[in-house]
């Protein structure tokens, strides 16, 4: 992860929350709070992060907010429009993987996330954050 320019955290929605595996990833990132480089910056500084969410219930914005806040707290840089999601009809059997095609709004949002994350990662490679 520390060698990556871009990290995407993806999770389903379970009971309006990020999945437990996603929460474990975020909890593990807590260890990065005390790690710094020779200039006093967190090791995750300069790494761009985005979030992708799927599910068949409400809560995508809540899950995205939780994840983006945790990623920001642990030093990742969040691009504009730093998330994408698809939420199917609540309590139904159709999952994202079962769709014949990606809905246009979800596809557009995902392309925007990818483009903005790539753009920001390139900028950070050329001009990193200042020393702490």
N, C-alpha and C. Protein backbone atom coordinates (compact mmCIF):
# COMPACT_ATOMS: atom_id res chain seq x y z
N UNK A 1 0.82 -1.18 0.00
CA UNK A 1 0.00 0.00 0.00
C UNK A 1 0.87 1.25 0.00
N UNK A 2 1.94 1.26 0.76
CA UNK A 2 2.77 2.45 0.86
C UNK A 2 3.48 2.77 -0.46
N UNK A 3 3.65 1.80 -1.32
CA UNK A 3 4.28 2.03 -2.61
C UNK A 3 3.29 2.52 -3.67
N UNK A 4 2.00 2.45 -3.37
CA UNK A 4 0.97 2.82 -4.34
C UNK A 4 0.84 4.33 -4.48
N UNK A 5 0.50 4.77 -5.67
CA UNK A 5 0.17 6.18 -5.90
C UNK A 5 -1.30 6.44 -5.60
N UNK A 6 -2.14 5.42 -5.85
CA UNK A 6 -3.59 5.54 -5.65
C UNK A 6 -4.09 4.28 -4.94
N UNK A 7 -4.93 4.48 -3.93
CA UNK A 7 -5.57 3.37 -3.22
C UNK A 7 -7.08 3.57 -3.33
N UNK A 8 -7.79 2.51 -3.70
CA UNK A 8 -9.25 2.56 -3.74
C UNK A 8 -9.77 1.58 -2.69
N UNK A 9 -10.54 2.10 -1.77
CA UNK A 9 -11.17 1.28 -0.74
C UNK A 9 -12.59 1.00 -1.22
N UNK A 10 -12.90 -0.27 -1.42
CA UNK A 10 -14.22 -0.67 -1.92
C UNK A 10 -14.92 -1.54 -0.88
N UNK A 11 -16.22 -1.31 -0.71
CA UNK A 11 -16.95 -2.06 0.31
C UNK A 11 -18.43 -2.17 -0.06
N UNK A 12 -19.05 -3.27 0.32
CA UNK A 12 -20.51 -3.30 0.27
C UNK A 12 -21.08 -2.59 1.50
N UNK A 13 -22.34 -2.29 1.44
CA UNK A 13 -23.06 -1.74 2.59
C UNK A 13 -23.70 -2.91 3.33
N UNK A 14 -23.46 -3.00 4.62
CA UNK A 14 -24.12 -4.00 5.46
C UNK A 14 -24.78 -3.26 6.61
N UNK A 15 -26.09 -3.34 6.67
CA UNK A 15 -26.86 -2.69 7.72
C UNK A 15 -26.53 -1.20 7.81
N UNK A 16 -26.34 -0.58 6.65
CA UNK A 16 -26.05 0.85 6.59
C UNK A 16 -24.63 1.23 6.95
N UNK A 17 -23.75 0.23 7.08
CA UNK A 17 -22.37 0.45 7.51
C UNK A 17 -21.40 -0.16 6.50
N UNK A 18 -20.13 0.27 6.53
CA UNK A 18 -19.12 -0.44 5.73
C UNK A 18 -19.01 -1.88 6.23
N UNK A 19 -18.63 -2.79 5.37
CA UNK A 19 -18.44 -4.19 5.76
C UNK A 19 -17.36 -4.29 6.83
N UNK A 20 -17.40 -5.36 7.61
CA UNK A 20 -16.44 -5.54 8.70
C UNK A 20 -15.01 -5.61 8.18
N UNK A 21 -14.79 -6.19 7.01
CA UNK A 21 -13.44 -6.26 6.45
C UNK A 21 -12.94 -4.85 6.15
N UNK A 22 -13.79 -3.99 5.63
CA UNK A 22 -13.44 -2.60 5.37
C UNK A 22 -13.07 -1.90 6.68
N UNK A 23 -13.87 -2.13 7.70
CA UNK A 23 -13.57 -1.50 9.00
C UNK A 23 -12.25 -2.00 9.56
N UNK A 24 -11.93 -3.28 9.33
CA UNK A 24 -10.64 -3.80 9.80
C UNK A 24 -9.49 -3.12 9.06
N UNK A 25 -9.65 -2.89 7.77
CA UNK A 25 -8.62 -2.17 7.01
C UNK A 25 -8.41 -0.78 7.59
N UNK A 26 -9.51 -0.08 7.85
CA UNK A 26 -9.40 1.26 8.42
C UNK A 26 -8.76 1.22 9.81
N UNK A 27 -9.11 0.22 10.60
CA UNK A 27 -8.51 0.09 11.93
C UNK A 27 -7.01 -0.18 11.83
N UNK A 28 -6.59 -0.98 10.86
CA UNK A 28 -5.17 -1.26 10.67
C UNK A 28 -4.42 0.01 10.26
N UNK A 29 -5.09 0.90 9.52
CA UNK A 29 -4.46 2.15 9.11
C UNK A 29 -4.14 3.05 10.30
N UNK A 30 -4.79 2.79 11.42
CA UNK A 30 -4.51 3.56 12.62
C UNK A 30 -3.03 3.48 12.99
N UNK A 31 -2.38 2.38 12.65
CA UNK A 31 -0.96 2.21 12.93
C UNK A 31 -0.11 3.23 12.18
N UNK A 32 -0.63 3.75 11.08
CA UNK A 32 0.12 4.73 10.29
C UNK A 32 0.17 6.10 10.95
N UNK A 33 -0.67 6.34 11.93
CA UNK A 33 -0.69 7.66 12.57
C UNK A 33 0.65 8.02 13.21
N UNK A 34 1.37 7.03 13.67
CA UNK A 34 2.64 7.29 14.34
C UNK A 34 3.87 7.12 13.46
N UNK A 35 3.66 6.76 12.20
CA UNK A 35 4.79 6.53 11.30
C UNK A 35 5.05 7.76 10.45
N UNK A 36 6.30 8.22 10.40
CA UNK A 36 6.64 9.39 9.60
C UNK A 36 7.93 9.15 8.81
N UNK A 37 8.09 9.96 7.77
CA UNK A 37 9.33 9.90 7.00
C UNK A 37 10.38 10.80 7.64
N UNK A 38 11.51 10.94 7.00
CA UNK A 38 12.62 11.74 7.56
C UNK A 38 12.27 13.22 7.70
N UNK A 39 11.22 13.67 6.99
CA UNK A 39 10.82 15.07 7.06
C UNK A 39 9.60 15.28 7.96
N UNK A 40 9.21 14.24 8.70
CA UNK A 40 8.12 14.35 9.66
C UNK A 40 6.72 14.18 9.09
N UNK A 41 6.63 13.78 7.83
CA UNK A 41 5.31 13.58 7.19
C UNK A 41 4.86 12.14 7.37
N UNK A 42 3.55 11.95 7.47
CA UNK A 42 3.02 10.59 7.53
C UNK A 42 3.42 9.86 6.25
N UNK A 43 3.66 8.56 6.35
CA UNK A 43 4.11 7.78 5.20
C UNK A 43 3.06 7.72 4.10
N UNK A 44 1.81 7.96 4.44
CA UNK A 44 0.73 7.93 3.45
C UNK A 44 0.56 9.26 2.72
N UNK A 45 1.25 10.30 3.17
CA UNK A 45 1.17 11.59 2.47
C UNK A 45 1.61 11.39 1.03
N UNK A 46 0.87 11.96 0.12
CA UNK A 46 1.19 11.82 -1.29
C UNK A 46 0.47 10.66 -1.96
N UNK A 47 -0.20 9.82 -1.19
CA UNK A 47 -0.99 8.74 -1.76
C UNK A 47 -2.44 9.20 -1.84
N UNK A 48 -3.01 9.08 -3.03
CA UNK A 48 -4.39 9.49 -3.27
C UNK A 48 -5.31 8.32 -2.95
N UNK A 49 -6.46 8.60 -2.34
CA UNK A 49 -7.41 7.54 -1.99
C UNK A 49 -8.81 7.89 -2.45
N UNK A 50 -9.53 6.88 -2.91
CA UNK A 50 -10.93 7.01 -3.28
C UNK A 50 -11.72 5.88 -2.66
N UNK A 51 -13.04 6.00 -2.73
CA UNK A 51 -13.92 5.00 -2.13
C UNK A 51 -14.98 4.58 -3.13
N UNK A 52 -15.25 3.27 -3.19
CA UNK A 52 -16.32 2.71 -4.01
C UNK A 52 -17.23 1.88 -3.12
N UNK A 53 -18.54 2.04 -3.31
CA UNK A 53 -19.53 1.37 -2.45
C UNK A 53 -20.63 0.76 -3.31
N UNK A 54 -21.06 -0.44 -2.94
CA UNK A 54 -22.23 -1.07 -3.57
C UNK A 54 -23.13 -1.63 -2.49
N UNK A 55 -24.41 -1.78 -2.82
CA UNK A 55 -25.33 -2.37 -1.86
C UNK A 55 -26.76 -2.29 -2.30
N UNK A 56 -27.62 -2.97 -1.58
CA UNK A 56 -29.06 -2.98 -1.84
C UNK A 56 -29.80 -2.36 -0.67
N UNK A 57 -29.28 -1.28 -0.17
CA UNK A 57 -29.95 -0.56 0.90
C UNK A 57 -29.40 0.86 0.96
N UNK A 58 -30.10 1.71 1.65
CA UNK A 58 -29.62 3.08 1.81
C UNK A 58 -28.34 3.09 2.64
N UNK A 59 -27.62 4.17 2.52
CA UNK A 59 -26.44 4.32 3.36
C UNK A 59 -25.16 4.59 2.62
N UNK A 60 -25.19 4.71 1.29
CA UNK A 60 -23.95 4.91 0.53
C UNK A 60 -23.23 6.17 0.97
N UNK A 61 -23.95 7.27 1.13
CA UNK A 61 -23.28 8.51 1.53
C UNK A 61 -22.69 8.40 2.93
N UNK A 62 -23.37 7.73 3.81
CA UNK A 62 -22.85 7.52 5.17
C UNK A 62 -21.57 6.69 5.13
N UNK A 63 -21.59 5.60 4.39
CA UNK A 63 -20.43 4.72 4.30
C UNK A 63 -19.25 5.46 3.66
N UNK A 64 -19.52 6.21 2.59
CA UNK A 64 -18.47 6.99 1.94
C UNK A 64 -17.88 8.00 2.91
N UNK A 65 -18.74 8.69 3.64
CA UNK A 65 -18.26 9.69 4.60
C UNK A 65 -17.36 9.06 5.65
N UNK A 66 -17.76 7.94 6.19
CA UNK A 66 -16.94 7.24 7.19
C UNK A 66 -15.57 6.87 6.63
N UNK A 67 -15.58 6.30 5.45
CA UNK A 67 -14.33 5.84 4.84
C UNK A 67 -13.42 7.01 4.46
N UNK A 68 -13.98 8.03 3.82
CA UNK A 68 -13.15 9.17 3.41
C UNK A 68 -12.57 9.89 4.62
N UNK A 69 -13.34 10.02 5.68
CA UNK A 69 -12.81 10.68 6.87
C UNK A 69 -11.65 9.88 7.46
N UNK A 70 -11.80 8.57 7.54
CA UNK A 70 -10.73 7.73 8.09
C UNK A 70 -9.49 7.79 7.20
N UNK A 71 -9.68 7.77 5.90
CA UNK A 71 -8.54 7.86 4.98
C UNK A 71 -7.84 9.20 5.11
N UNK A 72 -8.62 10.26 5.21
CA UNK A 72 -8.04 11.59 5.41
C UNK A 72 -7.28 11.66 6.74
N UNK A 73 -7.86 11.14 7.80
CA UNK A 73 -7.22 11.16 9.11
C UNK A 73 -5.88 10.42 9.12
N UNK A 74 -5.76 9.42 8.26
CA UNK A 74 -4.53 8.62 8.24
C UNK A 74 -3.57 9.08 7.14
N UNK A 75 -3.80 10.28 6.60
CA UNK A 75 -2.82 10.91 5.74
C UNK A 75 -3.02 10.83 4.24
N UNK A 76 -4.05 10.15 3.79
CA UNK A 76 -4.30 10.05 2.35
C UNK A 76 -4.86 11.37 1.83
N UNK A 77 -4.66 11.61 0.55
CA UNK A 77 -5.19 12.80 -0.11
C UNK A 77 -6.42 12.38 -0.90
N UNK A 78 -7.52 13.10 -0.71
CA UNK A 78 -8.79 12.78 -1.35
C UNK A 78 -9.02 13.73 -2.52
N UNK A 79 -9.26 13.22 -3.72
CA UNK A 79 -9.51 14.10 -4.85
C UNK A 79 -10.95 14.64 -4.83
N UNK A 80 -11.20 15.66 -5.63
CA UNK A 80 -12.57 16.10 -5.84
C UNK A 80 -13.36 14.92 -6.40
N UNK A 81 -14.62 14.81 -5.99
CA UNK A 81 -15.46 13.68 -6.41
C UNK A 81 -14.73 12.36 -6.15
N UNK A 82 -14.28 12.19 -4.91
CA UNK A 82 -13.43 11.06 -4.53
C UNK A 82 -14.15 9.78 -4.21
N UNK A 83 -15.37 9.62 -4.72
CA UNK A 83 -16.09 8.38 -4.44
C UNK A 83 -17.04 8.05 -5.58
N UNK A 84 -17.46 6.80 -5.58
CA UNK A 84 -18.47 6.33 -6.52
C UNK A 84 -19.31 5.26 -5.83
N UNK A 85 -20.54 5.13 -6.26
CA UNK A 85 -21.37 4.09 -5.64
C UNK A 85 -22.51 3.66 -6.56
N UNK A 86 -23.02 2.49 -6.27
CA UNK A 86 -24.25 1.99 -6.87
C UNK A 86 -25.06 1.40 -5.74
N UNK A 87 -26.30 1.80 -5.64
CA UNK A 87 -27.20 1.26 -4.64
C UNK A 87 -28.46 0.79 -5.35
N UNK A 88 -28.72 -0.50 -5.27
CA UNK A 88 -29.91 -1.06 -5.88
C UNK A 88 -31.13 -0.83 -5.00
N UNK A 89 -32.24 -1.29 -5.49
CA UNK A 89 -33.48 -1.16 -4.74
C UNK A 89 -33.36 -1.92 -3.41
N UNK A 90 -33.78 -1.28 -2.34
CA UNK A 90 -33.62 -1.85 -1.01
C UNK A 90 -34.29 -3.20 -0.89
N UNK A 91 -33.58 -4.11 -0.24
CA UNK A 91 -34.08 -5.44 0.12
C UNK A 91 -34.54 -6.24 -1.09
N UNK A 92 -33.84 -6.08 -2.20
CA UNK A 92 -34.15 -6.84 -3.41
C UNK A 92 -33.00 -7.79 -3.73
N UNK A 93 -33.19 -8.62 -4.72
CA UNK A 93 -32.20 -9.66 -5.03
C UNK A 93 -31.19 -9.26 -6.10
N UNK A 94 -31.35 -8.11 -6.74
CA UNK A 94 -30.43 -7.71 -7.81
C UNK A 94 -29.19 -7.06 -7.20
N UNK A 95 -28.04 -7.66 -7.48
CA UNK A 95 -26.76 -7.12 -7.03
C UNK A 95 -26.05 -6.45 -8.20
N UNK A 96 -25.11 -5.61 -7.90
CA UNK A 96 -24.36 -4.90 -8.94
C UNK A 96 -23.75 -5.89 -9.93
N UNK A 97 -23.19 -6.98 -9.42
CA UNK A 97 -22.56 -7.98 -10.29
C UNK A 97 -23.56 -8.64 -11.25
N UNK A 98 -24.86 -8.57 -10.92
CA UNK A 98 -25.88 -9.18 -11.76
C UNK A 98 -26.40 -8.27 -12.87
N UNK A 99 -26.00 -7.02 -12.86
CA UNK A 99 -26.49 -6.07 -13.86
C UNK A 99 -25.95 -6.42 -15.24
N UNK A 100 -26.76 -6.24 -16.27
CA UNK A 100 -26.31 -6.46 -17.65
C UNK A 100 -25.33 -5.38 -18.08
N UNK A 101 -25.52 -4.17 -17.58
CA UNK A 101 -24.58 -3.09 -17.88
C UNK A 101 -24.57 -2.12 -16.70
N UNK A 102 -23.49 -1.38 -16.59
CA UNK A 102 -23.36 -0.40 -15.52
C UNK A 102 -24.26 0.79 -15.81
N UNK A 103 -25.07 1.22 -14.87
CA UNK A 103 -25.89 2.41 -15.10
C UNK A 103 -24.99 3.61 -15.46
N UNK A 104 -25.46 4.43 -16.40
CA UNK A 104 -24.64 5.53 -16.91
C UNK A 104 -24.15 6.47 -15.81
N UNK A 105 -25.00 6.81 -14.86
CA UNK A 105 -24.59 7.72 -13.78
C UNK A 105 -23.46 7.12 -12.96
N UNK A 106 -23.55 5.85 -12.66
CA UNK A 106 -22.48 5.18 -11.91
C UNK A 106 -21.21 5.12 -12.74
N UNK A 107 -21.33 4.81 -14.02
CA UNK A 107 -20.15 4.76 -14.90
C UNK A 107 -19.48 6.12 -15.00
N UNK A 108 -20.28 7.18 -15.14
CA UNK A 108 -19.72 8.53 -15.24
C UNK A 108 -19.02 8.92 -13.94
N UNK A 109 -19.65 8.64 -12.83
CA UNK A 109 -19.07 8.97 -11.53
C UNK A 109 -17.77 8.21 -11.31
N UNK A 110 -17.72 6.95 -11.71
CA UNK A 110 -16.52 6.14 -11.57
C UNK A 110 -15.40 6.67 -12.45
N UNK A 111 -15.73 7.05 -13.69
CA UNK A 111 -14.73 7.64 -14.59
C UNK A 111 -14.18 8.95 -14.01
N UNK A 112 -15.05 9.75 -13.42
CA UNK A 112 -14.62 11.01 -12.82
C UNK A 112 -13.68 10.75 -11.65
N UNK A 113 -14.03 9.81 -10.79
CA UNK A 113 -13.15 9.44 -9.68
C UNK A 113 -11.78 9.02 -10.21
N UNK A 114 -11.76 8.15 -11.21
CA UNK A 114 -10.50 7.66 -11.76
C UNK A 114 -9.67 8.80 -12.36
N UNK A 115 -10.31 9.66 -13.12
CA UNK A 115 -9.60 10.78 -13.76
C UNK A 115 -9.05 11.75 -12.71
N UNK A 116 -9.86 12.10 -11.73
CA UNK A 116 -9.42 13.05 -10.71
C UNK A 116 -8.33 12.45 -9.82
N UNK A 117 -8.45 11.19 -9.48
CA UNK A 117 -7.42 10.53 -8.66
C UNK A 117 -6.10 10.46 -9.42
N UNK A 118 -6.15 10.13 -10.69
CA UNK A 118 -4.94 10.06 -11.51
C UNK A 118 -4.30 11.43 -11.65
N UNK A 119 -5.11 12.43 -11.91
CA UNK A 119 -4.61 13.80 -12.04
C UNK A 119 -3.91 14.25 -10.76
N UNK A 120 -4.56 14.03 -9.63
CA UNK A 120 -4.01 14.44 -8.35
C UNK A 120 -2.73 13.67 -8.02
N UNK A 121 -2.71 12.37 -8.31
CA UNK A 121 -1.50 11.57 -8.04
C UNK A 121 -0.32 12.09 -8.86
N UNK A 122 -0.57 12.46 -10.11
CA UNK A 122 0.50 13.02 -10.94
C UNK A 122 1.01 14.33 -10.35
N UNK A 123 0.10 15.18 -9.90
CA UNK A 123 0.52 16.46 -9.30
C UNK A 123 1.37 16.23 -8.06
N UNK A 124 0.96 15.29 -7.22
CA UNK A 124 1.70 15.01 -5.99
C UNK A 124 3.06 14.38 -6.25
N UNK A 125 3.19 13.63 -7.34
CA UNK A 125 4.49 13.05 -7.68
C UNK A 125 5.49 14.16 -8.03
N UNK A 126 4.99 15.21 -8.66
CA UNK A 126 5.86 16.30 -9.07
C UNK A 126 6.10 17.34 -7.99
N UNK A 127 5.23 17.40 -7.00
CA UNK A 127 5.34 18.43 -5.97
C UNK A 127 4.73 17.88 -4.68
N UNK A 128 5.56 17.26 -3.86
CA UNK A 128 5.05 16.59 -2.65
C UNK A 128 4.70 17.62 -1.57
N UNK A 129 4.08 17.14 -0.53
CA UNK A 129 3.72 17.97 0.59
C UNK A 129 4.97 18.52 1.31
N UNK A 130 4.86 19.67 1.93
CA UNK A 130 6.02 20.23 2.65
C UNK A 130 6.34 19.42 3.91
N UNK A 131 7.53 19.63 4.43
CA UNK A 131 7.95 18.97 5.67
C UNK A 131 7.05 19.39 6.82
N UNK A 132 6.96 18.54 7.81
CA UNK A 132 6.14 18.83 8.99
C UNK A 132 6.82 19.85 9.86
